[in-house]
All heavy atoms as atom14 arrays in JSON, in Angstrom:
{
  "sequence": "PVIGVSTGGSIAQLLAARHPELVSRLVLVSSACRLSAGGRRVQRDLAR",
  "atom14_mask": [
    [1, 1, 1, 1, 1, 1, 1, 0, 0, 0, 0, 0, 0, 0],
    [1, 1, 1, 1, 1, 1, 1, 0, 0, 0, 0, 0, 0, 0],
    [1, 1, 1, 1, 1, 1, 1, 1, 0, 0, 0, 0, 0, 0],
    [1, 1, 1, 1, 0, 0, 0, 0, 0, 0, 0, 0, 0, 0],
    [1, 1, 1, 1, 1, 1, 1, 0, 0, 0, 0, 0, 0, 0],
    [1, 1, 1, 1, 1, 1, 0, 0, 0, 0, 0, 0, 0, 0],
    [1, 1, 1, 1, 1, 1, 1, 0, 0, 0, 0, 0, 0, 0],
    [1, 1, 1, 1, 0, 0, 0, 0, 0, 0, 0, 0, 0, 0],
    [1, 1, 1, 1, 0, 0, 0, 0, 0, 0, 0, 0, 0, 0],
    [1, 1, 1, 1, 1, 1, 0, 0, 0, 0, 0, 0, 0, 0],
    [1, 1, 1, 1, 1, 1, 1, 1, 0, 0, 0, 0, 0, 0],
    [1, 1, 1, 1, 1, 0, 0, 0, 0, 0, 0, 0, 0, 0],
    [1, 1, 1, 1, 1, 1, 1, 1, 1, 0, 0, 0, 0, 0],
    [1, 1, 1, 1, 1, 1, 1, 1, 0, 0, 0, 0, 0, 0],
    [1, 1, 1, 1, 1, 1, 1, 1, 0, 0, 0, 0, 0, 0],
    [1, 1, 1, 1, 1, 0, 0, 0, 0, 0, 0, 0, 0, 0],
    [1, 1, 1, 1, 1, 0, 0, 0, 0, 0, 0, 0, 0, 0],
    [1, 1, 1, 1, 1, 1, 1, 1, 1, 1, 1, 0, 0, 0],
    [1, 1, 1, 1, 1, 1, 1, 1, 1, 1, 0, 0, 0, 0],
    [1, 1, 1, 1, 1, 1, 1, 0, 0, 0, 0, 0, 0, 0],
    [1, 1, 1, 1, 1, 1, 1, 1, 1, 0, 0, 0, 0, 0],
    [1, 1, 1, 1, 1, 1, 1, 1, 0, 0, 0, 0, 0, 0],
    [1, 1, 1, 1, 1, 1, 1, 0, 0, 0, 0, 0, 0, 0],
    [1, 1, 1, 1, 1, 1, 0, 0, 0, 0, 0, 0, 0, 0],
    [1, 1, 1, 1, 1, 1, 1, 1, 1, 1, 1, 0, 0, 0],
    [1, 1, 1, 1, 1, 1, 1, 1, 0, 0, 0, 0, 0, 0],
    [1, 1, 1, 1, 1, 1, 1, 0, 0, 0, 0, 0, 0, 0],
    [1, 1, 1, 1, 1, 1, 1, 1, 0, 0, 0, 0, 0, 0],
    [1, 1, 1, 1, 1, 1, 1, 0, 0, 0, 0, 0, 0, 0],
    [1, 1, 1, 1, 1, 1, 0, 0, 0, 0, 0, 0, 0, 0],
    [1, 1, 1, 1, 1, 1, 0, 0, 0, 0, 0, 0, 0, 0],
    [1, 1, 1, 1, 1, 0, 0, 0, 0, 0, 0, 0, 0, 0],
    [1, 1, 1, 1, 1, 1, 0, 0, 0, 0, 0, 0, 0, 0],
    [1, 1, 1, 1, 1, 1, 1, 1, 1, 1, 1, 0, 0, 0],
    [1, 1, 1, 1, 1, 1, 1, 1, 0, 0, 0, 0, 0, 0],
    [1, 1, 1, 1, 1, 1, 0, 0, 0, 0, 0, 0, 0, 0],
    [1, 1, 1, 1, 1, 0, 0, 0, 0, 0, 0, 0, 0, 0],
    [1, 1, 1, 1, 0, 0, 0, 0, 0, 0, 0, 0, 0, 0],
    [1, 1, 1, 1, 0, 0, 0, 0, 0, 0, 0, 0, 0, 0],
    [1, 1, 1, 1, 1, 1, 1, 1, 1, 1, 1, 0, 0, 0],
    [1, 1, 1, 1, 1, 1, 1, 1, 1, 1, 1, 0, 0, 0],
    [1, 1, 1, 1, 1, 1, 1, 0, 0, 0, 0, 0, 0, 0],
    [1, 1, 1, 1, 1, 1, 1, 1, 1, 0, 0, 0, 0, 0],
    [1, 1, 1, 1, 1, 1, 1, 1, 1, 1, 1, 0, 0, 0],
    [1, 1, 1, 1, 1, 1, 1, 1, 0, 0, 0, 0, 0, 0],
    [1, 1, 1, 1, 1, 1, 1, 1, 0, 0, 0, 0, 0, 0],
    [1, 1, 1, 1, 1, 0, 0, 0, 0, 0, 0, 0, 0, 0],
    [1, 1, 1, 1, 1, 1, 1, 1, 1, 1, 1, 0, 0, 0]
  ],
  "atom14_positions": [
    [[14.02, -6.37, 4.21], [13.09, -6.41, 3.01], [11.69, -6.33, 3.44], [11.34, -6.87, 4.59], [13.39, -7.81, 2.37], [14.7, -8.27, 2.96], [14.8, -7.65, 4.23], [0.0, 0.0, 0.0], [0.0, 0.0, 0.0], [0.0, 0.0, 0.0], [0.0, 0.0, 0.0], [0.0, 0.0, 0.0], [0.0, 0.0, 0.0], [0.0, 0.0, 0.0]],
    [[10.91, -5.62, 2.82], [9.42, -5.39, 3.13], [8.49, -5.81, 2.03], [8.77, -5.2, 0.89], [9.11, -3.94, 3.56], [7.67, -3.75, 3.8], [9.95, -3.55, 4.93], [0.0, 0.0, 0.0], [0.0, 0.0, 0.0], [0.0, 0.0, 0.0], [0.0, 0.0, 0.0], [0.0, 0.0, 0.0], [0.0, 0.0, 0.0], [0.0, 0.0, 0.0]],
    [[7.56, -6.63, 2.19], [6.55, -7.02, 1.24], [5.29, -6.41, 1.76], [4.79, -6.75, 2.81], [6.34, -8.46, 1.13], [7.69, -9.12, 0.72], [5.32, -8.82, 0.11], [7.73, -10.79, 0.75], [0.0, 0.0, 0.0], [0.0, 0.0, 0.0], [0.0, 0.0, 0.0], [0.0, 0.0, 0.0], [0.0, 0.0, 0.0], [0.0, 0.0, 0.0]],
    [[4.62, -5.52, 0.87], [3.35, -4.89, 1.27], [2.26, -5.47, 0.38], [2.43, -5.41, -0.86], [0.0, 0.0, 0.0], [0.0, 0.0, 0.0], [0.0, 0.0, 0.0], [0.0, 0.0, 0.0], [0.0, 0.0, 0.0], [0.0, 0.0, 0.0], [0.0, 0.0, 0.0], [0.0, 0.0, 0.0], [0.0, 0.0, 0.0], [0.0, 0.0, 0.0]],
    [[1.2, -5.95, 0.94], [0.2, -6.51, 0.24], [-1.05, -5.63, 0.2], [-1.6, -5.34, 1.35], [-0.26, -7.97, 0.68], [-1.32, -8.58, -0.04], [1.02, -8.86, 0.74], [0.0, 0.0, 0.0], [0.0, 0.0, 0.0], [0.0, 0.0, 0.0], [0.0, 0.0, 0.0], [0.0, 0.0, 0.0], [0.0, 0.0, 0.0], [0.0, 0.0, 0.0]],
    [[-1.55, -5.17, -0.93], [-2.83, -4.44, -0.98], [-2.74, -3.22, -0.04], [-1.9, -2.31, -0.26], [-3.94, -5.32, -0.59], [-5.19, -4.71, -0.85], [0.0, 0.0, 0.0], [0.0, 0.0, 0.0], [0.0, 0.0, 0.0], [0.0, 0.0, 0.0], [0.0, 0.0, 0.0], [0.0, 0.0, 0.0], [0.0, 0.0, 0.0], [0.0, 0.0, 0.0]],
    [[-3.59, -3.16, 0.98], [-3.6, -2.06, 1.95], [-2.27, -1.94, 2.61], [-1.64, -0.86, 2.83], [-4.67, -2.11, 2.98], [-5.9, -2.13, 2.36], [-4.52, -1.06, 4.0], [0.0, 0.0, 0.0], [0.0, 0.0, 0.0], [0.0, 0.0, 0.0], [0.0, 0.0, 0.0], [0.0, 0.0, 0.0], [0.0, 0.0, 0.0], [0.0, 0.0, 0.0]],
    [[-1.64, -3.01, 2.92], [-0.18, -3.09, 3.48], [0.81, -2.47, 2.56], [1.82, -1.87, 2.97], [0.0, 0.0, 0.0], [0.0, 0.0, 0.0], [0.0, 0.0, 0.0], [0.0, 0.0, 0.0], [0.0, 0.0, 0.0], [0.0, 0.0, 0.0], [0.0, 0.0, 0.0], [0.0, 0.0, 0.0], [0.0, 0.0, 0.0], [0.0, 0.0, 0.0]],
    [[0.55, -2.63, 1.23], [1.44, -2.0, 0.25], [1.29, -0.49, 0.28], [2.37, 0.19, 0.12], [0.0, 0.0, 0.0], [0.0, 0.0, 0.0], [0.0, 0.0, 0.0], [0.0, 0.0, 0.0], [0.0, 0.0, 0.0], [0.0, 0.0, 0.0], [0.0, 0.0, 0.0], [0.0, 0.0, 0.0], [0.0, 0.0, 0.0], [0.0, 0.0, 0.0]],
    [[0.08, -0.03, 0.44], [0.0, 1.5, 0.6], [0.89, 2.01, 1.75], [1.53, 3.07, 1.6], [-1.45, 1.86, 0.92], [-2.29, 1.37, -0.06], [0.0, 0.0, 0.0], [0.0, 0.0, 0.0], [0.0, 0.0, 0.0], [0.0, 0.0, 0.0], [0.0, 0.0, 0.0], [0.0, 0.0, 0.0], [0.0, 0.0, 0.0], [0.0, 0.0, 0.0]],
    [[0.81, 1.26, 2.9], [1.55, 1.67, 4.17], [3.12, 1.41, 3.88], [3.91, 2.28, 4.24], [1.17, 0.95, 5.32], [-0.35, 1.18, 5.69], [1.94, 1.22, 6.56], [-0.94, 0.31, 6.66], [0.0, 0.0, 0.0], [0.0, 0.0, 0.0], [0.0, 0.0, 0.0], [0.0, 0.0, 0.0], [0.0, 0.0, 0.0], [0.0, 0.0, 0.0]],
    [[3.41, 0.39, 3.09], [4.74, -0.03, 2.75], [5.51, 1.11, 1.94], [6.6, 1.52, 2.05], [4.86, -1.27, 2.19], [0.0, 0.0, 0.0], [0.0, 0.0, 0.0], [0.0, 0.0, 0.0], [0.0, 0.0, 0.0], [0.0, 0.0, 0.0], [0.0, 0.0, 0.0], [0.0, 0.0, 0.0], [0.0, 0.0, 0.0], [0.0, 0.0, 0.0]],
    [[4.69, 1.8, 1.08], [5.21, 2.79, 0.22], [5.66, 4.01, 1.14], [6.62, 4.6, 0.91], [4.08, 3.34, -0.7], [3.75, 2.25, -1.9], [2.64, 2.57, -2.66], [2.57, 3.67, -3.29], [1.64, 1.78, -2.74], [0.0, 0.0, 0.0], [0.0, 0.0, 0.0], [0.0, 0.0, 0.0], [0.0, 0.0, 0.0], [0.0, 0.0, 0.0]],
    [[4.88, 4.35, 2.01], [5.12, 5.53, 2.91], [6.31, 5.17, 3.84], [7.16, 6.16, 4.0], [4.01, 5.89, 3.68], [2.67, 6.39, 2.97], [1.39, 6.62, 3.82], [2.95, 7.64, 2.3], [0.0, 0.0, 0.0], [0.0, 0.0, 0.0], [0.0, 0.0, 0.0], [0.0, 0.0, 0.0], [0.0, 0.0, 0.0], [0.0, 0.0, 0.0]],
    [[6.29, 3.97, 4.29], [7.46, 3.52, 5.04], [8.68, 3.64, 4.39], [9.79, 4.17, 5.0], [7.22, 2.06, 5.67], [8.43, 1.35, 6.39], [8.59, 2.07, 7.74], [7.96, -0.09, 6.62], [0.0, 0.0, 0.0], [0.0, 0.0, 0.0], [0.0, 0.0, 0.0], [0.0, 0.0, 0.0], [0.0, 0.0, 0.0], [0.0, 0.0, 0.0]],
    [[8.8, 3.13, 3.15], [10.03, 3.11, 2.43], [10.47, 4.51, 1.98], [11.54, 4.91, 1.92], [9.83, 2.28, 1.24], [0.0, 0.0, 0.0], [0.0, 0.0, 0.0], [0.0, 0.0, 0.0], [0.0, 0.0, 0.0], [0.0, 0.0, 0.0], [0.0, 0.0, 0.0], [0.0, 0.0, 0.0], [0.0, 0.0, 0.0], [0.0, 0.0, 0.0]],
    [[9.42, 5.47, 1.65], [9.8, 6.78, 1.29], [10.22, 7.65, 2.37], [11.14, 8.42, 2.23], [8.44, 7.49, 0.69], [0.0, 0.0, 0.0], [0.0, 0.0, 0.0], [0.0, 0.0, 0.0], [0.0, 0.0, 0.0], [0.0, 0.0, 0.0], [0.0, 0.0, 0.0], [0.0, 0.0, 0.0], [0.0, 0.0, 0.0], [0.0, 0.0, 0.0]],
    [[9.65, 7.5, 3.52], [9.98, 8.3, 4.63], [11.05, 7.73, 5.63], [11.63, 8.44, 6.44], [8.8, 8.68, 5.39], [7.6, 9.43, 4.38], [6.57, 10.01, 5.04], [5.65, 10.57, 4.0], [4.64, 11.43, 4.27], [4.47, 11.88, 5.58], [4.02, 11.93, 3.38], [0.0, 0.0, 0.0], [0.0, 0.0, 0.0], [0.0, 0.0, 0.0]],
    [[11.36, 6.48, 5.49], [12.37, 5.82, 6.36], [13.15, 4.85, 5.49], [13.15, 3.62, 5.69], [11.71, 5.07, 7.51], [10.95, 5.93, 8.49], [11.7, 6.66, 9.6], [9.65, 6.35, 8.56], [10.81, 7.28, 10.22], [9.48, 7.19, 9.73], [0.0, 0.0, 0.0], [0.0, 0.0, 0.0], [0.0, 0.0, 0.0], [0.0, 0.0, 0.0]],
    [[13.87, 5.54, 4.47], [14.62, 4.61, 3.58], [15.72, 3.71, 4.31], [16.24, 2.81, 3.75], [15.27, 5.59, 2.53], [15.23, 6.92, 3.31], [14.06, 6.77, 4.13], [0.0, 0.0, 0.0], [0.0, 0.0, 0.0], [0.0, 0.0, 0.0], [0.0, 0.0, 0.0], [0.0, 0.0, 0.0], [0.0, 0.0, 0.0], [0.0, 0.0, 0.0]],
    [[16.18, 4.31, 5.4], [17.23, 3.55, 6.16], [16.63, 2.31, 6.74], [17.54, 1.31, 7.11], [17.73, 4.4, 7.33], [16.76, 4.52, 8.6], [15.68, 5.52, 8.33], [15.53, 6.14, 7.28], [14.85, 5.77, 9.3], [0.0, 0.0, 0.0], [0.0, 0.0, 0.0], [0.0, 0.0, 0.0], [0.0, 0.0, 0.0], [0.0, 0.0, 0.0]],
    [[15.38, 2.02, 6.82], [14.8, 0.81, 7.37], [14.37, -0.36, 6.36], [14.1, -1.42, 6.8], [13.61, 1.12, 8.12], [13.83, 2.0, 9.39], [12.5, 2.22, 10.1], [14.82, 1.43, 10.33], [0.0, 0.0, 0.0], [0.0, 0.0, 0.0], [0.0, 0.0, 0.0], [0.0, 0.0, 0.0], [0.0, 0.0, 0.0], [0.0, 0.0, 0.0]],
    [[14.4, 0.1, 5.07], [13.88, -0.87, 3.99], [15.01, -1.16, 2.99], [15.43, -0.27, 2.31], [12.75, -0.27, 3.27], [12.15, -1.18, 2.27], [11.56, 0.07, 4.26], [0.0, 0.0, 0.0], [0.0, 0.0, 0.0], [0.0, 0.0, 0.0], [0.0, 0.0, 0.0], [0.0, 0.0, 0.0], [0.0, 0.0, 0.0], [0.0, 0.0, 0.0]],
    [[15.38, -2.4, 2.97], [16.52, -2.82, 2.07], [15.99, -3.21, 0.61], [16.63, -2.89, -0.34], [17.32, -3.96, 2.59], [16.45, -5.09, 2.85], [0.0, 0.0, 0.0], [0.0, 0.0, 0.0], [0.0, 0.0, 0.0], [0.0, 0.0, 0.0], [0.0, 0.0, 0.0], [0.0, 0.0, 0.0], [0.0, 0.0, 0.0], [0.0, 0.0, 0.0]],
    [[14.88, -3.76, 0.62], [14.18, -4.01, -0.66], [12.56, -3.94, -0.37], [12.17, -4.27, 0.7], [14.49, -5.49, -1.17], [15.85, -5.6, -1.76], [16.16, -7.02, -2.4], [17.47, -6.88, -2.95], [17.72, -6.68, -4.26], [16.61, -6.56, -5.05], [18.86, -6.75, -4.74], [0.0, 0.0, 0.0], [0.0, 0.0, 0.0], [0.0, 0.0, 0.0]],
    [[11.87, -3.51, -1.43], [10.45, -3.3, -1.33], [9.73, -4.14, -2.39], [10.15, -3.91, -3.63], [10.15, -1.74, -1.47], [8.71, -1.46, -1.46], [8.07, -1.69, -0.04], [8.54, 0.02, -1.76], [0.0, 0.0, 0.0], [0.0, 0.0, 0.0], [0.0, 0.0, 0.0], [0.0, 0.0, 0.0], [0.0, 0.0, 0.0], [0.0, 0.0, 0.0]],
    [[8.65, -4.87, -2.0], [7.85, -5.58, -2.97], [6.33, -5.05, -2.63], [5.86, -5.17, -1.44], [7.93, -7.01, -2.78], [7.03, -7.71, -3.86], [9.44, -7.5, -2.88], [0.0, 0.0, 0.0], [0.0, 0.0, 0.0], [0.0, 0.0, 0.0], [0.0, 0.0, 0.0], [0.0, 0.0, 0.0], [0.0, 0.0, 0.0], [0.0, 0.0, 0.0]],
    [[5.76, -4.61, -3.65], [4.42, -4.16, -3.55], [3.5, -5.14, -4.4], [3.77, -5.29, -5.7], [4.14, -2.79, -4.2], [5.0, -1.7, -3.57], [4.91, -0.31, -4.22], [4.73, -1.52, -2.02], [0.0, 0.0, 0.0], [0.0, 0.0, 0.0], [0.0, 0.0, 0.0], [0.0, 0.0, 0.0], [0.0, 0.0, 0.0], [0.0, 0.0, 0.0]],
    [[2.66, -5.92, -3.68], [1.83, -6.91, -4.36], [0.39, -6.43, -4.35], [-0.2, -6.28, -3.36], [1.95, -8.28, -3.55], [1.23, -9.39, -4.41], [3.32, -8.72, -3.47], [0.0, 0.0, 0.0], [0.0, 0.0, 0.0], [0.0, 0.0, 0.0], [0.0, 0.0, 0.0], [0.0, 0.0, 0.0], [0.0, 0.0, 0.0], [0.0, 0.0, 0.0]],
    [[-0.17, -6.47, -5.49], [-1.64, -5.86, -5.69], [-1.81, -4.69, -4.9], [-2.69, -4.49, -4.18], [-2.55, -6.96, -5.14], [-2.59, -8.07, -6.04], [0.0, 0.0, 0.0], [0.0, 0.0, 0.0], [0.0, 0.0, 0.0], [0.0, 0.0, 0.0], [0.0, 0.0, 0.0], [0.0, 0.0, 0.0], [0.0, 0.0, 0.0], [0.0, 0.0, 0.0]],
    [[-0.88, -3.75, -5.19], [-0.99, -2.4, -4.54], [-0.32, -1.31, -5.33], [0.56, -1.64, -6.05], [-0.19, -2.49, -3.19], [-0.26, -1.29, -2.38], [0.0, 0.0, 0.0], [0.0, 0.0, 0.0], [0.0, 0.0, 0.0], [0.0, 0.0, 0.0], [0.0, 0.0, 0.0], [0.0, 0.0, 0.0], [0.0, 0.0, 0.0], [0.0, 0.0, 0.0]],
    [[-0.94, -0.19, -5.19], [-0.32, 0.96, -6.03], [-0.45, 2.29, -5.28], [-0.84, 2.31, -4.14], [-1.19, 1.05, -7.37], [0.0, 0.0, 0.0], [0.0, 0.0, 0.0], [0.0, 0.0, 0.0], [0.0, 0.0, 0.0], [0.0, 0.0, 0.0], [0.0, 0.0, 0.0], [0.0, 0.0, 0.0], [0.0, 0.0, 0.0], [0.0, 0.0, 0.0]],
    [[-0.01, 3.27, -5.96], [0.07, 4.62, -5.18], [-1.24, 5.22, -4.77], [-1.21, 6.07, -3.84], [0.74, 5.72, -6.11], [0.02, 5.94, -7.64], [0.0, 0.0, 0.0], [0.0, 0.0, 0.0], [0.0, 0.0, 0.0], [0.0, 0.0, 0.0], [0.0, 0.0, 0.0], [0.0, 0.0, 0.0], [0.0, 0.0, 0.0], [0.0, 0.0, 0.0]],
    [[-2.45, 4.66, -5.18], [-3.67, 5.06, -4.76], [-4.68, 4.05, -5.34], [-4.45, 3.35, -6.22], [-4.06, 6.5, -5.14], [-4.11, 6.74, -6.67], [-4.42, 8.16, -6.97], [-4.32, 8.34, -8.47], [-3.08, 8.56, -9.04], [-1.99, 8.58, -8.39], [-3.14, 8.7, -10.41], [0.0, 0.0, 0.0], [0.0, 0.0, 0.0], [0.0, 0.0, 0.0]],
    [[-5.77, 4.06, -4.7], [-6.92, 3.14, -5.1], [-7.53, 3.83, -6.38], [-7.55, 4.98, -6.59], [-8.0, 3.06, -4.04], [-7.77, 2.21, -2.83], [-8.71, 2.58, -1.76], [-7.66, 0.75, -3.1], [0.0, 0.0, 0.0], [0.0, 0.0, 0.0], [0.0, 0.0, 0.0], [0.0, 0.0, 0.0], [0.0, 0.0, 0.0], [0.0, 0.0, 0.0]],
    [[-8.11, 2.94, -7.17], [-8.83, 3.36, -8.22], [-10.23, 4.01, -7.75], [-10.62, 3.68, -6.56], [-9.18, 2.35, -9.24], [-9.99, 1.2, -8.71], [0.0, 0.0, 0.0], [0.0, 0.0, 0.0], [0.0, 0.0, 0.0], [0.0, 0.0, 0.0], [0.0, 0.0, 0.0], [0.0, 0.0, 0.0], [0.0, 0.0, 0.0], [0.0, 0.0, 0.0]],
    [[-10.98, 4.6, -8.56], [-12.39, 5.21, -8.16], [-13.19, 3.94, -7.73], [-13.95, 4.0, -6.68], [-13.01, 5.94, -9.26], [0.0, 0.0, 0.0], [0.0, 0.0, 0.0], [0.0, 0.0, 0.0], [0.0, 0.0, 0.0], [0.0, 0.0, 0.0], [0.0, 0.0, 0.0], [0.0, 0.0, 0.0], [0.0, 0.0, 0.0], [0.0, 0.0, 0.0]],
    [[-13.05, 2.76, -8.61], [-13.94, 1.6, -8.14], [-13.41, 1.1, -6.97], [-14.28, 0.59, -6.04], [0.0, 0.0, 0.0], [0.0, 0.0, 0.0], [0.0, 0.0, 0.0], [0.0, 0.0, 0.0], [0.0, 0.0, 0.0], [0.0, 0.0, 0.0], [0.0, 0.0, 0.0], [0.0, 0.0, 0.0], [0.0, 0.0, 0.0], [0.0, 0.0, 0.0]],
    [[-12.11, 1.02, -6.78], [-11.64, 0.49, -5.52], [-12.2, 1.16, -4.29], [-12.38, 0.63, -3.18], [0.0, 0.0, 0.0], [0.0, 0.0, 0.0], [0.0, 0.0, 0.0], [0.0, 0.0, 0.0], [0.0, 0.0, 0.0], [0.0, 0.0, 0.0], [0.0, 0.0, 0.0], [0.0, 0.0, 0.0], [0.0, 0.0, 0.0], [0.0, 0.0, 0.0]],
    [[-12.18, 2.49, -4.28], [-12.62, 3.31, -3.24], [-14.12, 2.95, -3.08], [-14.63, 3.01, -1.82], [-12.37, 4.85, -3.5], [-10.93, 5.22, -3.36], [-10.79, 6.75, -3.19], [-11.35, 7.37, -4.55], [-10.61, 7.63, -5.63], [-9.24, 7.28, -5.64], [-11.08, 8.29, -6.7], [0.0, 0.0, 0.0], [0.0, 0.0, 0.0], [0.0, 0.0, 0.0]],
    [[-14.89, 2.89, -4.07], [-16.37, 2.57, -3.78], [-16.4, 1.19, -3.06], [-17.39, 1.02, -2.24], [-17.0, 2.47, -5.15], [-17.41, 3.86, -5.77], [-18.25, 3.76, -6.9], [-17.79, 2.97, -8.01], [-17.09, 3.44, -9.04], [-16.8, 4.71, -9.1], [-16.71, 2.67, -9.98], [0.0, 0.0, 0.0], [0.0, 0.0, 0.0], [0.0, 0.0, 0.0]],
    [[-15.66, 0.28, -3.52], [-15.76, -1.08, -2.88], [-15.46, -0.98, -1.43], [-16.13, -1.51, -0.53], [-14.8, -2.05, -3.53], [-14.81, -3.41, -2.83], [-15.29, -2.4, -4.98], [0.0, 0.0, 0.0], [0.0, 0.0, 0.0], [0.0, 0.0, 0.0], [0.0, 0.0, 0.0], [0.0, 0.0, 0.0], [0.0, 0.0, 0.0], [0.0, 0.0, 0.0]],
    [[-14.39, -0.29, -1.09], [-13.98, -0.17, 0.38], [-14.96, 0.63, 1.2], [-15.1, 0.37, 2.31], [-12.49, 0.33, 0.47], [-11.52, -0.61, -0.07], [-10.05, -0.43, 0.56], [-9.21, -1.26, 0.32], [-9.85, 0.61, 1.18], [0.0, 0.0, 0.0], [0.0, 0.0, 0.0], [0.0, 0.0, 0.0], [0.0, 0.0, 0.0], [0.0, 0.0, 0.0]],
    [[-15.57, 1.6, 0.54], [-16.58, 2.47, 1.3], [-17.75, 1.47, 1.56], [-18.43, 1.72, 2.67], [-17.03, 3.68, 0.53], [-16.0, 4.75, 0.42], [-16.41, 5.77, -0.62], [-15.19, 6.81, -0.84], [-15.36, 7.7, -1.91], [-16.3, 7.72, -2.68], [-14.29, 8.57, -2.0], [0.0, 0.0, 0.0], [0.0, 0.0, 0.0], [0.0, 0.0, 0.0]],
    [[-18.12, 0.66, 0.62], [-19.26, -0.42, 0.9], [-18.91, -1.18, 2.01], [-19.76, -1.48, 2.86], [-19.62, -1.0, -0.39], [-20.38, -0.2, -1.38], [-20.81, 0.94, -1.09], [-20.44, -0.6, -2.54], [0.0, 0.0, 0.0], [0.0, 0.0, 0.0], [0.0, 0.0, 0.0], [0.0, 0.0, 0.0], [0.0, 0.0, 0.0], [0.0, 0.0, 0.0]],
    [[-17.62, -1.78, 1.99], [-17.15, -2.51, 2.98], [-17.39, -1.94, 4.45], [-17.81, -2.53, 5.34], [-15.72, -2.95, 2.82], [-14.93, -3.71, 3.89], [-15.68, -4.97, 4.31], [-13.48, -3.79, 3.61], [0.0, 0.0, 0.0], [0.0, 0.0, 0.0], [0.0, 0.0, 0.0], [0.0, 0.0, 0.0], [0.0, 0.0, 0.0], [0.0, 0.0, 0.0]],
    [[-16.86, -0.68, 4.56], [-16.94, 0.06, 5.85], [-18.4, 0.36, 6.22], [-18.75, 0.15, 7.37], [-16.12, 1.31, 5.68], [0.0, 0.0, 0.0], [0.0, 0.0, 0.0], [0.0, 0.0, 0.0], [0.0, 0.0, 0.0], [0.0, 0.0, 0.0], [0.0, 0.0, 0.0], [0.0, 0.0, 0.0], [0.0, 0.0, 0.0], [0.0, 0.0, 0.0]],
    [[-19.23, 0.81, 5.24], [-20.56, 1.06, 5.53], [-21.39, -0.18, 6.15], [-22.06, -0.03, 7.07], [-21.25, 1.68, 4.28], [-22.8, 1.87, 4.45], [-23.27, 2.79, 3.33], [-23.12, 2.15, 1.98], [-23.98, 1.38, 1.48], [-25.08, 1.06, 2.1], [-23.66, 0.9, 0.26], [0.0, 0.0, 0.0], [0.0, 0.0, 0.0], [0.0, 0.0, 0.0]]
  ]
}
């Protein structure tokens, strides 16, 4: 089983999609298939 949290959930989606043999159950917590426009702005400010 894999629990992906936020950014970890982004990675977990790719892990489960491309290596289904390694993930028996998937939980995505506060994570979705992409960031919102606002979420990207926040993370860009963090990095800057």
